[in-house]
Amino acid sequence: MSLRWEISNKVQVLKGWARQRFGRVSGNRRQQIAGKSDRVAGNLKQAGRKARDAFKR
């Protein structure tokens, strides 16, 4: 199950990256901000999962 969550978080980061790039190209500031927040959320989830796994051991 850990692999499923890891993939899900990485997909969220990639989706955020694409959304942010699309916002830059189109000049849509709202898309840029939403993409950045998706990236940050995905990275925080990854960090939280890594910390949780480290404390389990």
PDB file of N, CA and C in Angstrom:
ATOM      1  N   MET A   1       0.827  -1.193   0.000  1.00  0.00           N
ATOM      2  CA  MET A   1       0.000   0.000   0.000  1.00  0.00           C
ATOM      3  C   MET A   1       0.866   1.250   0.000  1.00  0.00           C
ATOM      4  N   SER A   2       2.029   1.155   0.516  1.00  0.00           N
ATOM      5  CA  SER A   2       2.930   2.304   0.548  1.00  0.00           C
ATOM      6  C   SER A   2       3.299   2.748  -0.863  1.00  0.00           C
ATOM      7  N   LEU A   3       3.488   1.781  -1.740  1.00  0.00           N
ATOM      8  CA  LEU A   3       3.841   2.108  -3.116  1.00  0.00           C
ATOM      9  C   LEU A   3       2.703   2.869  -3.792  1.00  0.00           C
ATOM     10  N   ARG A   4       1.469   2.466  -3.496  1.00  0.00           N
ATOM     11  CA  ARG A   4       0.307   3.146  -4.076  1.00  0.00           C
ATOM     12  C   ARG A   4       0.279   4.613  -3.676  1.00  0.00           C
ATOM     13  N   TRP A   5       0.537   4.896  -2.390  1.00  0.00           N
ATOM     14  CA  TRP A   5       0.516   6.277  -1.911  1.00  0.00           C
ATOM     15  C   TRP A   5       1.690   7.071  -2.475  1.00  0.00           C
ATOM     16  N   GLU A   6       2.833   6.424  -2.587  1.00  0.00           N
ATOM     17  CA  GLU A   6       4.011   7.098  -3.129  1.00  0.00           C
ATOM     18  C   GLU A   6       3.775   7.517  -4.579  1.00  0.00           C
ATOM     19  N   ILE A   7       3.180   6.620  -5.355  1.00  0.00           N
ATOM     20  CA  ILE A   7       2.880   6.941  -6.750  1.00  0.00           C
ATOM     21  C   ILE A   7       1.840   8.051  -6.824  1.00  0.00           C
ATOM     22  N   SER A   8       0.829   7.975  -5.973  1.00  0.00           N
ATOM     23  CA  SER A   8      -0.221   8.991  -5.950  1.00  0.00           C
ATOM     24  C   SER A   8       0.357  10.371  -5.642  1.00  0.00           C
ATOM     25  N   ASN A   9       1.281  10.441  -4.695  1.00  0.00           N
ATOM     26  CA  ASN A   9       1.887  11.726  -4.341  1.00  0.00           C
ATOM     27  C   ASN A   9       2.764  12.251  -5.467  1.00  0.00           C
ATOM     28  N   LYS A  10       3.499  11.369  -6.121  1.00  0.00           N
ATOM     29  CA  LYS A  10       4.344  11.805  -7.233  1.00  0.00           C
ATOM     30  C   LYS A  10       3.506  12.296  -8.403  1.00  0.00           C
ATOM     31  N   VAL A  11       2.370  11.642  -8.636  1.00  0.00           N
ATOM     32  CA  VAL A  11       1.460  12.083  -9.699  1.00  0.00           C
ATOM     33  C   VAL A  11       0.920  13.471  -9.373  1.00  0.00           C
ATOM     34  N   GLN A  12       0.608  13.708  -8.112  1.00  0.00           N
ATOM     35  CA  GLN A  12       0.108  15.030  -7.713  1.00  0.00           C
ATOM     36  C   GLN A  12       1.176  16.100  -7.950  1.00  0.00           C
ATOM     37  N   VAL A  13       2.431  15.782  -7.653  1.00  0.00           N
ATOM     38  CA  VAL A  13       3.524  16.732  -7.879  1.00  0.00           C
ATOM     39  C   VAL A  13       3.666  17.015  -9.373  1.00  0.00           C
ATOM     40  N   LEU A  14       3.631  15.976 -10.189  1.00  0.00           N
ATOM     41  CA  LEU A  14       3.764  16.164 -11.636  1.00  0.00           C
ATOM     42  C   LEU A  14       2.582  16.937 -12.218  1.00  0.00           C
ATOM     43  N   LYS A  15       1.391  16.652 -11.717  1.00  0.00           N
ATOM     44  CA  LYS A  15       0.201  17.368 -12.169  1.00  0.00           C
ATOM     45  C   LYS A  15       0.302  18.849 -11.816  1.00  0.00           C
ATOM     46  N   GLY A  16       0.801  19.121 -10.619  1.00  0.00           N
ATOM     47  CA  GLY A  16       0.987  20.503 -10.206  1.00  0.00           C
ATOM     48  C   GLY A  16       2.021  21.222 -11.044  1.00  0.00           C
ATOM     49  N   TRP A  17       3.099  20.502 -11.370  1.00  0.00           N
ATOM     50  CA  TRP A  17       4.141  21.084 -12.226  1.00  0.00           C
ATOM     51  C   TRP A  17       3.565  21.445 -13.593  1.00  0.00           C
ATOM     52  N   ALA A  18       2.790  20.527 -14.183  1.00  0.00           N
ATOM     53  CA  ALA A  18       2.193  20.780 -15.498  1.00  0.00           C
ATOM     54  C   ALA A  18       1.197  21.937 -15.428  1.00  0.00           C
ATOM     55  N   ARG A  19       0.416  21.966 -14.363  1.00  0.00           N
ATOM     56  CA  ARG A  19      -0.579  23.028 -14.215  1.00  0.00           C
ATOM     57  C   ARG A  19       0.091  24.392 -14.063  1.00  0.00           C
ATOM     58  N   GLN A  20       1.195  24.427 -13.333  1.00  0.00           N
ATOM     59  CA  GLN A  20       1.922  25.675 -13.137  1.00  0.00           C
ATOM     60  C   GLN A  20       2.528  26.139 -14.462  1.00  0.00           C
ATOM     61  N   ARG A  21       3.102  25.227 -15.216  1.00  0.00           N
ATOM     62  CA  ARG A  21       3.671  25.581 -16.526  1.00  0.00           C
ATOM     63  C   ARG A  21       2.595  26.091 -17.474  1.00  0.00           C
ATOM     64  N   PHE A  22       1.449  25.421 -17.479  1.00  0.00           N
ATOM     65  CA  PHE A  22       0.350  25.856 -18.332  1.00  0.00           C
ATOM     66  C   PHE A  22      -0.093  27.265 -17.954  1.00  0.00           C
ATOM     67  N   GLY A  23      -0.133  27.547 -16.671  1.00  0.00           N
ATOM     68  CA  GLY A  23      -0.508  28.884 -16.207  1.00  0.00           C
ATOM     69  C   GLY A  23       0.488  29.934 -16.658  1.00  0.00           C
ATOM     70  N   ARG A  24       1.783  29.580 -16.633  1.00  0.00           N
ATOM     71  CA  ARG A  24       2.795  30.536 -17.097  1.00  0.00           C
ATOM     72  C   ARG A  24       2.654  30.823 -18.581  1.00  0.00           C
ATOM     73  N   VAL A  25       2.471  29.767 -19.368  1.00  0.00           N
ATOM     74  CA  VAL A  25       2.377  29.928 -20.824  1.00  0.00           C
ATOM     75  C   VAL A  25       1.134  30.722 -21.196  1.00  0.00           C
ATOM     76  N   SER A  26       0.016  30.414 -20.555  1.00  0.00           N
ATOM     77  CA  SER A  26      -1.237  31.079 -20.903  1.00  0.00           C
ATOM     78  C   SER A  26      -1.413  32.430 -20.209  1.00  0.00           C
ATOM     79  N   GLY A  27      -0.571  32.712 -19.222  1.00  0.00           N
ATOM     80  CA  GLY A  27      -0.695  33.972 -18.505  1.00  0.00           C
ATOM     81  C   GLY A  27      -1.774  33.945 -17.439  1.00  0.00           C
ATOM     82  N   ASN A  28      -2.230  32.747 -17.081  1.00  0.00           N
ATOM     83  CA  ASN A  28      -3.288  32.596 -16.085  1.00  0.00           C
ATOM     84  C   ASN A  28      -2.661  32.443 -14.702  1.00  0.00           C
ATOM     85  N   ARG A  29      -2.718  33.478 -13.934  1.00  0.00           N
ATOM     86  CA  ARG A  29      -2.081  33.504 -12.616  1.00  0.00           C
ATOM     87  C   ARG A  29      -2.724  32.497 -11.653  1.00  0.00           C
ATOM     88  N   ARG A  30      -4.035  32.313 -11.794  1.00  0.00           N
ATOM     89  CA  ARG A  30      -4.745  31.392 -10.914  1.00  0.00           C
ATOM     90  C   ARG A  30      -4.272  29.945 -11.115  1.00  0.00           C
ATOM     91  N   GLN A  31      -4.018  29.574 -12.366  1.00  0.00           N
ATOM     92  CA  GLN A  31      -3.500  28.238 -12.664  1.00  0.00           C
ATOM     93  C   GLN A  31      -2.096  28.056 -12.097  1.00  0.00           C
ATOM     94  N   GLN A  32      -1.292  29.097 -12.166  1.00  0.00           N
ATOM     95  CA  GLN A  32       0.061  29.033 -11.610  1.00  0.00           C
ATOM     96  C   GLN A  32       0.018  28.761 -10.114  1.00  0.00           C
ATOM     97  N   ILE A  33      -0.838  29.478  -9.427  1.00  0.00           N
ATOM     98  CA  ILE A  33      -0.941  29.334  -7.980  1.00  0.00           C
ATOM     99  C   ILE A  33      -1.487  27.955  -7.615  1.00  0.00           C
ATOM    100  N   ALA A  34      -2.491  27.486  -8.348  1.00  0.00           N
ATOM    101  CA  ALA A  34      -3.053  26.159  -8.079  1.00  0.00           C
ATOM    102  C   ALA A  34      -2.011  25.072  -8.332  1.00  0.00           C
ATOM    103  N   GLY A  35      -1.222  25.221  -9.370  1.00  0.00           N
ATOM    104  CA  GLY A  35      -0.171  24.256  -9.663  1.00  0.00           C
ATOM    105  C   GLY A  35       0.885  24.230  -8.579  1.00  0.00           C
ATOM    106  N   LYS A  36       1.260  25.393  -8.110  1.00  0.00           N
ATOM    107  CA  LYS A  36       2.258  25.478  -7.040  1.00  0.00           C
ATOM    108  C   LYS A  36       1.736  24.814  -5.767  1.00  0.00           C
ATOM    109  N   SER A  37       0.469  25.050  -5.446  1.00  0.00           N
ATOM    110  CA  SER A  37      -0.096  24.440  -4.235  1.00  0.00           C
ATOM    111  C   SER A  37      -0.193  22.923  -4.377  1.00  0.00           C
ATOM    112  N   ASP A  38      -0.490  22.416  -5.567  1.00  0.00           N
ATOM    113  CA  ASP A  38      -0.504  20.968  -5.796  1.00  0.00           C
ATOM    114  C   ASP A  38       0.881  20.380  -5.587  1.00  0.00           C
ATOM    115  N   ARG A  39       1.885  21.063  -6.105  1.00  0.00           N
ATOM    116  CA  ARG A  39       3.258  20.573  -5.944  1.00  0.00           C
ATOM    117  C   ARG A  39       3.667  20.544  -4.479  1.00  0.00           C
ATOM    118  N   VAL A  40       3.370  21.605  -3.770  1.00  0.00           N
ATOM    119  CA  VAL A  40       3.740  21.687  -2.355  1.00  0.00           C
ATOM    120  C   VAL A  40       3.004  20.616  -1.546  1.00  0.00           C
ATOM    121  N   ALA A  41       1.729  20.421  -1.824  1.00  0.00           N
ATOM    122  CA  ALA A  41       0.944  19.417  -1.100  1.00  0.00           C
ATOM    123  C   ALA A  41       1.498  18.018  -1.352  1.00  0.00           C
ATOM    124  N   GLY A  42       1.832  17.713  -2.591  1.00  0.00           N
ATOM    125  CA  GLY A  42       2.400  16.407  -2.902  1.00  0.00           C
ATOM    126  C   GLY A  42       3.732  16.186  -2.230  1.00  0.00           C
ATOM    127  N   ASN A  43       4.570  17.215  -2.217  1.00  0.00           N
ATOM    128  CA  ASN A  43       5.874  17.092  -1.563  1.00  0.00           C
ATOM    129  C   ASN A  43       5.734  16.939  -0.047  1.00  0.00           C
ATOM    130  N   LEU A  44       4.787  17.640   0.558  1.00  0.00           N
ATOM    131  CA  LEU A  44       4.567  17.504   1.995  1.00  0.00           C
ATOM    132  C   LEU A  44       4.056  16.115   2.352  1.00  0.00           C
ATOM    133  N   LYS A  45       3.183  15.570   1.516  1.00  0.00           N
ATOM    134  CA  LYS A  45       2.684  14.226   1.760  1.00  0.00           C
ATOM    135  C   LYS A  45       3.818  13.208   1.668  1.00  0.00           C
ATOM    136  N   GLN A  46       4.696  13.386   0.687  1.00  0.00           N
ATOM    137  CA  GLN A  46       5.846  12.490   0.553  1.00  0.00           C
ATOM    138  C   GLN A  46       6.747  12.586   1.774  1.00  0.00           C
ATOM    139  N   ALA A  47       7.011  13.782   2.239  1.00  0.00           N
ATOM    140  CA  ALA A  47       7.872  13.978   3.409  1.00  0.00           C
ATOM    141  C   ALA A  47       7.230  13.383   4.660  1.00  0.00           C
ATOM    142  N   GLY A  48       5.942  13.555   4.814  1.00  0.00           N
ATOM    143  CA  GLY A  48       5.238  12.996   5.962  1.00  0.00           C
ATOM    144  C   GLY A  48       5.281  11.481   5.966  1.00  0.00           C
ATOM    145  N   ARG A  49       5.116  10.893   4.806  1.00  0.00           N
ATOM    146  CA  ARG A  49       5.153   9.436   4.704  1.00  0.00           C
ATOM    147  C   ARG A  49       6.559   8.917   5.016  1.00  0.00           C
ATOM    148  N   LYS A  50       7.594   9.619   4.538  1.00  0.00           N
ATOM    149  CA  LYS A  50       8.961   9.203   4.819  1.00  0.00           C
ATOM    150  C   LYS A  50       9.270   9.305   6.314  1.00  0.00           C
ATOM    151  N   ALA A  51       8.792  10.360   6.960  1.00  0.00           N
ATOM    152  CA  ALA A  51       9.015  10.526   8.396  1.00  0.00           C
ATOM    153  C   ALA A  51       8.283   9.437   9.174  1.00  0.00           C
ATOM    154  N   ARG A  52       7.074   9.137   8.750  1.00  0.00           N
ATOM    155  CA  ARG A  52       6.303   8.093   9.421  1.00  0.00           C
ATOM    156  C   ARG A  52       7.001   6.735   9.297  1.00  0.00           C
ATOM    157  N   ASP A  53       7.509   6.451   8.112  1.00  0.00           N
ATOM    158  CA  ASP A  53       8.226   5.189   7.901  1.00  0.00           C
ATOM    159  C   ASP A  53       9.511   5.134   8.724  1.00  0.00           C
ATOM    160  N   ALA A  54      10.183   6.259   8.879  1.00  0.00           N
ATOM    161  CA  ALA A  54      11.414   6.287   9.650  1.00  0.00           C
ATOM    162  C   ALA A  54      11.144   6.013  11.127  1.00  0.00           C
ATOM    163  N   PHE A  55      10.043   6.508  11.670  1.00  0.00           N
ATOM    164  CA  PHE A  55       9.723   6.294  13.074  1.00  0.00           C
ATOM    165  C   PHE A  55       9.180   4.897  13.337  1.00  0.00           C
ATOM    166  N   LYS A  56       8.665   4.225  12.314  1.00  0.00           N
ATOM    167  CA  LYS A  56       8.177   2.868  12.482  1.00  0.00           C
ATOM    168  C   LYS A  56       9.332   1.900  12.744  1.00  0.00           C
ATOM    169  N   ARG A  57      10.480   2.211  12.183  1.00  0.00           N
ATOM    170  CA  ARG A  57      11.634   1.303  12.312  1.00  0.00           C
ATOM    171  C   ARG A  57      12.309   1.490  13.578  1.00  0.00           C
TER     172      ARG A  57
END
